Protein backbone atom coordinates (compact mmCIF):
# COMPACT_ATOMS: atom_id res chain seq x y z
CA UNK A 1 0.45 0.14 0.19
CA UNK A 2 1.36 3.51 -1.13
CA UNK A 3 0.07 5.40 2.68
CA UNK A 4 -1.74 7.77 0.94
CA UNK A 5 -5.55 7.71 1.08
CA UNK A 6 -7.55 8.94 -2.03
CA UNK A 7 -9.06 12.30 -2.48
CA UNK A 8 -12.94 12.61 -1.69
CA UNK A 9 -13.26 16.23 -2.28
CA UNK A 10 -10.83 19.60 -2.99
CA UNK A 11 -12.24 22.80 -2.58
CA UNK A 12 -9.81 25.18 -4.59
CA UNK A 13 -10.07 29.36 -4.09
CA UNK A 14 -13.53 29.48 -3.12
CA UNK A 15 -14.76 32.74 -2.89
CA UNK A 16 -18.49 33.85 -2.29
CA UNK A 17 -19.62 37.26 -2.38
CA UNK A 18 -23.42 37.80 -1.16
CA UNK A 19 -24.98 41.51 -1.36
CA UNK A 20 -22.02 42.59 -2.51
CA UNK A 21 -19.98 41.60 1.10
CA UNK A 22 -16.86 39.44 0.57
CA UNK A 23 -17.95 36.20 3.08
CA UNK A 24 -15.40 33.74 1.71
CA UNK A 25 -12.46 34.36 0.38
CA UNK A 26 -9.83 31.98 -1.44
CA UNK A 27 -10.47 28.63 0.63
CA UNK A 28 -8.68 25.31 -0.13
CA UNK A 29 -9.30 21.94 1.84
CA UNK A 30 -8.95 19.37 0.99
CA UNK A 31 -10.71 15.86 2.56
CA UNK A 32 -10.10 12.42 1.91
CA UNK A 33 -11.96 9.36 1.85
CA UNK A 34 -12.79 7.97 4.87
CA UNK A 35 -12.12 11.23 6.68
CA UNK A 36 -14.05 13.29 8.94
CA UNK A 37 -13.79 17.37 9.01
CA UNK A 38 -15.13 19.48 11.24
CA UNK A 39 -15.40 22.96 10.26
CA UNK A 40 -15.10 25.53 12.88
CA UNK A 41 -14.98 29.10 13.84
CA UNK A 42 -17.04 31.71 15.73
CA UNK A 43 -20.37 33.08 14.34
CA UNK A 44 -20.31 34.95 11.48
CA UNK A 45 -17.00 33.04 10.28
CA UNK A 46 -18.53 31.59 6.85
CA UNK A 47 -18.77 28.22 7.95
CA UNK A 48 -22.98 27.30 6.38
CA UNK A 49 -21.76 29.66 3.46
CA UNK A 50 -18.67 27.26 2.54
CA UNK A 51 -21.23 23.76 3.29
CA UNK A 52 -23.46 25.84 1.09
CA UNK A 53 -20.91 26.28 -1.73
CA UNK A 54 -19.44 22.37 -1.34
CA UNK A 55 -23.43 21.52 -2.10
CA UNK A 56 -23.94 23.81 -4.96
CA UNK A 57 -26.54 25.87 -3.52
CA UNK A 58 -24.73 29.53 -3.43
CA UNK A 59 -22.93 30.89 -6.25
CA UNK A 60 -19.16 31.03 -5.91
CA UNK A 61 -15.90 31.30 -7.55
CA UNK A 62 -13.23 28.31 -7.62
CA UNK A 63 -14.17 24.42 -8.08
CA UNK A 64 -15.06 21.96 -6.14
CA UNK A 65 -13.30 18.34 -7.38
CA UNK A 66 -14.68 14.94 -6.40
CA UNK A 67 -13.25 12.09 -6.13
CA UNK A 68 -14.32 10.39 -9.27
CA UNK A 69 -12.90 13.84 -10.89
CA UNK A 70 -15.94 15.44 -11.86
CA UNK A 71 -15.49 19.05 -11.34
CA UNK A 72 -18.01 21.91 -10.53
CA UNK A 73 -16.98 26.05 -10.13
CA UNK A 74 -17.68 29.18 -10.88
CA UNK A 75 -21.41 28.53 -9.29
CA UNK A 76 -22.31 26.29 -12.21
CA UNK A 77 -24.63 23.43 -11.46
CA UNK A 78 -22.35 20.84 -13.24
CA UNK A 79 -22.51 17.11 -12.43
CA UNK A 80 -25.50 17.11 -14.93
CA UNK A 81 -27.33 18.94 -12.55
CA UNK A 82 -28.10 18.72 -8.63
CA UNK A 83 -29.24 15.46 -9.53
CA UNK A 84 -25.14 14.55 -10.59
CA UNK A 85 -24.47 16.13 -7.63
CA UNK A 86 -26.60 14.33 -5.33
CA UNK A 87 -24.64 11.04 -6.29
CA UNK A 88 -21.84 12.57 -4.83
CA UNK A 89 -22.58 14.37 -1.69
CA UNK A 90 -25.33 14.01 0.24
CA UNK A 91 -26.31 17.05 2.52
CA UNK A 92 -28.01 17.71 6.02
CA UNK A 93 -28.81 21.42 6.68
CA UNK A 94 -29.04 23.00 10.03
CA UNK A 95 -32.72 23.21 9.31
CA UNK A 96 -34.08 21.10 6.79
CA UNK A 97 -37.38 21.62 4.95
CA UNK A 98 -40.10 19.09 5.93
CA UNK A 99 -42.90 18.91 4.14
CA UNK A 100 -46.21 18.99 6.26
CA UNK A 101 -47.98 15.54 6.51
CA UNK A 102 -45.09 13.26 5.47
CA UNK A 103 -44.06 10.05 7.25
CA UNK A 104 -40.53 8.91 8.30
CA UNK A 105 -40.49 6.58 5.45
CA UNK A 106 -41.76 8.78 2.54
CA UNK A 107 -39.24 11.47 3.88
CA UNK A 108 -36.25 9.06 3.59
CA UNK A 109 -37.51 7.81 0.51
CA UNK A 110 -36.77 11.36 -0.80
CA UNK A 111 -33.24 10.43 -0.61
CA UNK A 112 -33.29 8.29 -3.41
CA UNK A 113 -34.86 10.43 -5.94
CA UNK A 114 -31.23 11.14 -7.63
CA UNK A 115 -31.34 7.69 -8.36
CA UNK A 116 -35.11 7.52 -9.82
CA UNK A 117 -35.36 7.93 -13.53
CA UNK A 118 -37.02 11.08 -15.27
CA UNK A 119 -40.69 9.91 -13.57
CA UNK A 120 -39.41 10.00 -10.00
CA UNK A 121 -40.90 7.03 -9.16
CA UNK A 122 -39.54 4.72 -5.93
CA UNK A 123 -38.68 1.25 -7.54
CA UNK A 124 -38.76 -1.51 -5.14
CA UNK A 125 -35.36 -1.44 -4.51
CA UNK A 126 -35.45 1.86 -3.47
CA UNK A 127 -37.92 1.26 -0.61
CA UNK A 128 -35.67 -1.72 0.56
CA UNK A 129 -33.10 0.52 0.70
CA UNK A 130 -34.96 3.16 2.71
CA UNK A 131 -36.27 0.46 4.90
CA UNK A 132 -32.75 -1.01 5.81
CA UNK A 133 -31.42 2.63 6.97
CA UNK A 134 -34.31 3.35 9.13
CA UNK A 135 -33.68 0.18 10.85
CA UNK A 136 -30.28 0.51 11.15
CA UNK A 137 -30.63 4.05 12.53
CA UNK A 138 -33.59 2.36 15.01
CA UNK A 139 -36.52 4.13 13.40
CA UNK A 140 -38.28 1.25 11.98
CA UNK A 141 -41.06 2.04 14.97
CA UNK A 142 -41.80 5.09 13.50
CA UNK A 143 -41.47 4.36 9.69
CA UNK A 144 -45.69 5.54 9.58
CA UNK A 145 -45.22 8.39 11.54
CA UNK A 146 -45.87 12.24 10.52
CA UNK A 147 -42.49 13.70 11.14
CA UNK A 148 -44.06 16.14 13.12
CA UNK A 149 -44.70 14.34 15.88
CA UNK A 150 -41.43 13.13 16.69
CA UNK A 151 -39.03 14.35 19.02
CA UNK A 152 -35.90 16.39 18.06
CA UNK A 153 -33.45 13.62 18.24
CA UNK A 154 -35.79 10.89 16.42
CA UNK A 155 -36.56 13.81 13.97
CA UNK A 156 -32.37 14.23 13.65
CA UNK A 157 -32.31 10.40 12.72
CA UNK A 158 -34.59 10.80 10.49
CA UNK A 159 -32.94 13.81 8.50
CA UNK A 160 -29.71 11.45 8.48
CA UNK A 161 -31.78 8.46 7.13
CA UNK A 162 -32.45 10.66 4.27
CA UNK A 163 -29.05 11.66 3.45
CA UNK A 164 -27.37 8.19 4.12
CA UNK A 165 -30.23 6.38 1.72
CA UNK A 166 -28.56 8.58 -0.93
CA UNK A 167 -25.41 6.50 -0.89
CA UNK A 168 -23.39 9.39 -1.85
CA UNK A 169 -19.89 8.45 -0.65
CA UNK A 170 -19.69 12.30 1.06
CA UNK A 171 -21.76 13.17 3.75
CA UNK A 172 -21.70 17.27 5.04
CA UNK A 173 -23.41 17.91 8.03
CA UNK A 174 -24.12 21.92 8.91
CA UNK A 175 -24.48 21.89 12.76
CA UNK A 176 -25.98 18.25 13.20
CA UNK A 177 -26.63 18.60 16.99
CA UNK A 178 -27.99 21.82 16.91
CA UNK A 179 -30.93 22.05 19.10
CA UNK A 180 -30.49 18.68 20.51
CA UNK A 181 -29.68 17.91 24.38
CA UNK A 182 -26.27 16.37 25.03
CA UNK A 183 -27.48 12.75 25.45
CA UNK A 184 -28.66 13.17 21.95
CA UNK A 185 -25.97 15.00 20.47
CA UNK A 186 -23.44 12.48 21.43
CA UNK A 187 -26.03 9.70 20.10
CA UNK A 188 -26.17 11.32 16.75
CA UNK A 189 -22.19 11.93 16.69
CA UNK A 190 -21.46 8.47 17.45
CA UNK A 191 -23.67 7.02 15.35
CA UNK A 192 -21.64 9.10 12.38
CA UNK A 193 -18.58 7.88 13.87
CA UNK A 194 -20.15 4.02 13.66
CA UNK A 195 -21.11 4.73 9.60
CA UNK A 196 -17.76 6.58 8.81
CA UNK A 197 -15.98 3.11 9.91
CA UNK A 198 -18.72 1.01 8.28
CA UNK A 199 -18.98 2.44 5.15
CA UNK A 200 -15.76 4.41 4.82
CA UNK A 201 -17.68 7.75 5.02
CA UNK A 202 -16.24 10.78 4.43
CA UNK A 203 -18.03 13.44 6.96
CA UNK A 204 -17.64 17.07 6.95
CA UNK A 205 -19.41 18.58 9.68
CA UNK A 206 -19.57 22.44 11.02
CA UNK A 207 -19.25 22.12 14.80
CA UNK A 208 -19.15 24.90 17.47
CA UNK A 209 -18.38 23.00 20.35
CA UNK A 210 -15.11 22.79 20.62
CA UNK A 211 -14.54 19.48 22.56
CA UNK A 212 -16.82 17.83 20.34
CA UNK A 213 -14.75 18.62 17.71
CA UNK A 214 -11.73 17.23 19.40
CA UNK A 215 -13.08 14.12 19.96
CA UNK A 216 -14.57 13.20 16.72
CA UNK A 217 -12.58 14.86 14.05
CA UNK A 218 -9.87 13.29 12.28
CA UNK A 219 -8.66 17.03 10.82
CA UNK A 220 -10.00 20.47 11.59
CA UNK A 221 -10.47 23.49 10.02
CA UNK A 222 -10.85 27.34 11.35
CA UNK A 223 -12.73 29.74 9.39
CA UNK A 224 -12.56 33.10 10.93
CA UNK A 225 -13.76 36.32 8.67
CA UNK A 226 -14.64 34.17 5.54
CA UNK A 227 -10.92 33.18 5.58
CA UNK A 228 -8.98 29.64 6.61
CA UNK A 229 -6.54 30.37 9.35
CA UNK A 230 -5.90 27.08 10.84
CA UNK A 231 -6.08 23.51 9.44
CA UNK A 232 -4.88 20.12 10.44
CA UNK A 233 -5.43 17.51 13.58
CA UNK A 234 -6.91 18.11 16.63
CA UNK A 235 -3.53 18.61 18.29
CA UNK A 236 -2.32 20.98 16.07
CA UNK A 237 -5.33 23.15 15.94
CA UNK A 238 -7.06 23.00 19.28
CA UNK A 239 -4.29 25.12 21.25
CA UNK A 240 -4.73 27.47 24.12
CA UNK A 241 -3.31 30.37 21.77
CA UNK A 242 -5.70 29.56 18.73
CA UNK A 243 -8.70 29.59 21.00
CA UNK A 244 -7.89 32.26 23.14
CA UNK A 245 -6.57 34.30 19.27
CA UNK A 246 -10.06 32.97 17.69
CA UNK A 247 -12.57 32.47 20.18
CA UNK A 248 -11.68 35.00 22.29
CA UNK A 249 -11.77 32.89 25.60
CA UNK A 250 -9.02 30.96 27.96
CA UNK A 251 -8.94 27.10 27.63
CA UNK A 252 -6.90 23.96 29.06
CA UNK A 253 -6.44 21.40 26.06
CA UNK A 254 -5.39 17.85 26.90
CA UNK A 255 -4.21 15.66 24.54
CA UNK A 256 -4.77 11.89 24.91
CA UNK A 257 -2.76 9.26 23.57
CA UNK A 258 -4.94 8.34 20.43
CA UNK A 259 -4.31 12.14 19.52
CA UNK A 260 -7.98 13.54 20.46
CA UNK A 261 -8.12 16.35 22.82
CA UNK A 262 -10.32 17.54 25.66
CA UNK A 263 -10.94 21.11 25.82
CA UNK A 264 -11.75 22.92 29.04
CA UNK A 265 -12.67 26.75 28.71
CA UNK A 266 -12.00 28.70 31.79
CA UNK A 267 -14.35 31.52 33.29
CA UNK A 268 -12.48 35.00 33.05
CA UNK A 269 -12.36 36.75 36.28
CA UNK A 270 -12.41 40.38 36.49
CA UNK A 271 -11.12 42.61 39.73
CA UNK A 272 -14.43 43.53 40.47
CA UNK A 273 -15.34 39.96 40.46
CA UNK A 274 -12.73 37.90 42.60
CA UNK A 275 -12.65 34.26 42.73
CA UNK A 276 -15.19 33.75 45.65
CA UNK A 277 -16.32 37.44 46.00
CA UNK A 278 -20.31 38.10 45.90
CA UNK A 279 -21.29 40.06 43.16
CA UNK A 280 -23.31 43.35 44.77
CA UNK A 281 -25.62 44.42 42.57
CA UNK A 282 -28.69 47.08 43.24
CA UNK A 283 -30.97 44.90 43.69
CA UNK A 284 -28.80 43.68 46.72
CA UNK A 285 -29.13 47.14 48.70
CA UNK A 286 -32.40 48.49 47.67
CA UNK A 287 -35.26 48.28 50.90
CA UNK A 288 -38.01 45.62 50.34
CA UNK A 289 -41.02 46.84 48.94
CA UNK A 290 -43.69 46.97 51.24
CA UNK A 291 -46.24 43.82 51.27
CA UNK A 292 -43.45 41.47 50.45
């Protein structure tokens, strides 16, 4: 073996201008097959815009090249339109559009659209594949349930199932754990890690939680002001200096034997509020109102 993994996705000089403002500037990123790349950065850094550029839903300069050599660029749909791109990259948006009155099975079946004929008629194989993915994600009890009646964690798994049933080699997720509680967050992330290993999936996610990125990402890319400012392994990217520079917080970073990073953010205290000292507010000195 050569030891060099094939490239799954390469973004070259991706630049996006929206409403006259430059949102992304000259982004170059390469993701190899089977790798998990976590896109990090403060709010407004351009993470979601980059996901949209990769998925072809926003016009951009530069090019996106997939592992089979197919290329899109300059905002062109390319790849014989959106269906051609959907065979290569499946996207889970932060706020997916869910049609009213649709069941979990019907919604997941939509993920097979790129493999259907001009009439977009689902085949028996499409239905079997959709049911198999629902079973893999422990969603079989919800097959006939209206998607609107499911919990946040259950609905997020259905949205993920729709992306997985597309059988695209690259899976891109924009904040996959947004609005989920801690238990459901790790349920989704562990599931993604399992599927990455089982299928050899290439995973690209935007994340806000640096600790999560340090545990799950194979490589991290930090965006700031629409530019790529750091790119490397978790141990290379998640350092106290870098976190202080780009996020403006104090942090302690511990690297384990496997190269994963635990990040602990420390509270900054001012002279006015030293550790252990009570903070006095106007309400503390106010005279209680009569009748209370």
